[in-house]
């Protein structure tokens, strides 16, 4: 019998940022995503809101639904931790 196999690729490299403006935009996006994970954790587990409501609110904050969805997935990984406030 044939097995279903899944192949994954790992890319190792250095991110070259051409100028300070691009670097500042990237850092802002990273900070907003980190904050979005904390917001998602708070809204999901402390306030008990539905996932769709949390996604709607995060999409307004991040201006991107895929980032909002990823932040919710990341917040679910931290469900048991109390350090996220």
Protein backbone atom coordinates (compact mmCIF):
# COMPACT_ATOMS: atom_id res chain seq x y z
CA UNK A 1 0.00 0.00 0.00
CA UNK A 2 1.17 3.47 -0.79
CA UNK A 3 1.55 5.95 2.02
CA UNK A 4 0.55 9.55 1.75
CA UNK A 5 3.69 11.48 2.42
CA UNK A 6 4.05 15.15 3.00
CA UNK A 7 7.25 16.95 2.17
CA UNK A 8 8.19 20.17 3.88
CA UNK A 9 10.82 22.68 2.93
CA UNK A 10 12.93 24.75 5.28
CA UNK A 11 14.51 27.91 3.95
CA UNK A 12 17.58 29.20 5.74
CA UNK A 13 18.82 32.63 4.79
CA UNK A 14 19.33 36.20 5.74
CA UNK A 15 16.68 38.84 5.14
CA UNK A 16 18.22 41.85 3.43
CA UNK A 17 16.24 45.03 3.92
CA UNK A 18 17.22 47.68 1.36
CA UNK A 19 16.44 50.84 3.32
CA UNK A 20 15.34 52.22 6.67
CA UNK A 21 11.76 52.85 5.55
CA UNK A 22 11.25 49.19 4.65
CA UNK A 23 12.85 48.14 7.92
CA UNK A 24 10.56 50.44 9.92
CA UNK A 25 7.48 49.08 8.11
CA UNK A 26 8.56 45.51 8.81
CA UNK A 27 9.19 46.26 12.49
CA UNK A 28 5.80 47.96 12.79
CA UNK A 29 4.09 44.95 11.23
CA UNK A 30 5.93 42.60 13.59
CA UNK A 31 4.91 44.66 16.62
CA UNK A 32 1.28 44.85 15.49
CA UNK A 33 1.17 41.08 14.95
CA UNK A 34 2.60 40.44 18.41
CA UNK A 35 -0.02 42.79 19.89
CA UNK A 36 -2.74 41.09 17.84
CA UNK A 37 -1.83 37.71 19.35
CA UNK A 38 -2.15 39.19 22.84
CA UNK A 39 -5.48 40.83 21.94
CA UNK A 40 -6.79 37.58 20.47
CA UNK A 41 -5.81 35.67 23.60
CA UNK A 42 -7.56 38.21 25.79
CA UNK A 43 -10.73 38.34 23.69
CA UNK A 44 -11.00 34.57 23.20
CA UNK A 45 -10.24 33.30 26.68
CA UNK A 46 -10.76 36.15 29.10
CA UNK A 47 -13.79 37.84 27.53
CA UNK A 48 -15.16 34.70 25.89
CA UNK A 49 -15.92 36.19 22.47
CA UNK A 50 -16.49 34.00 19.43
CA UNK A 51 -13.67 33.36 17.01
CA UNK A 52 -15.48 35.15 14.19
CA UNK A 53 -15.94 38.28 16.33
CA UNK A 54 -12.27 38.22 17.34
CA UNK A 55 -11.24 37.83 13.69
CA UNK A 56 -13.44 40.78 12.72
CA UNK A 57 -11.86 43.00 15.36
CA UNK A 58 -8.32 41.92 14.55
CA UNK A 59 -8.89 42.45 10.83
CA UNK A 60 -9.74 46.07 11.57
CA UNK A 61 -6.57 46.42 13.65
CA UNK A 62 -4.21 44.66 11.22
CA UNK A 63 -6.00 45.52 7.94
CA UNK A 64 -5.47 41.94 6.80
CA UNK A 65 -7.77 38.95 7.43
CA UNK A 66 -5.02 36.37 6.94
CA UNK A 67 -2.84 37.97 9.60
CA UNK A 68 -5.86 38.07 11.91
CA UNK A 69 -6.49 34.37 11.34
CA UNK A 70 -2.81 33.59 12.01
CA UNK A 71 -2.88 35.65 15.22
CA UNK A 72 -5.89 33.65 16.44
CA UNK A 73 -4.10 30.38 15.67
CA UNK A 74 -1.05 31.61 17.56
CA UNK A 75 -3.20 32.70 20.52
CA UNK A 76 -4.71 29.21 20.69
CA UNK A 77 -1.21 27.80 21.15
CA UNK A 78 -0.80 30.02 24.22
CA UNK A 79 -4.17 29.11 25.72
CA UNK A 80 -2.85 27.72 28.99
CA UNK A 81 -0.37 30.51 29.66
CA UNK A 82 -1.40 33.27 32.03
CA UNK A 83 1.51 35.54 31.11
CA UNK A 84 -0.33 37.01 28.11
CA UNK A 85 -2.47 39.86 29.37
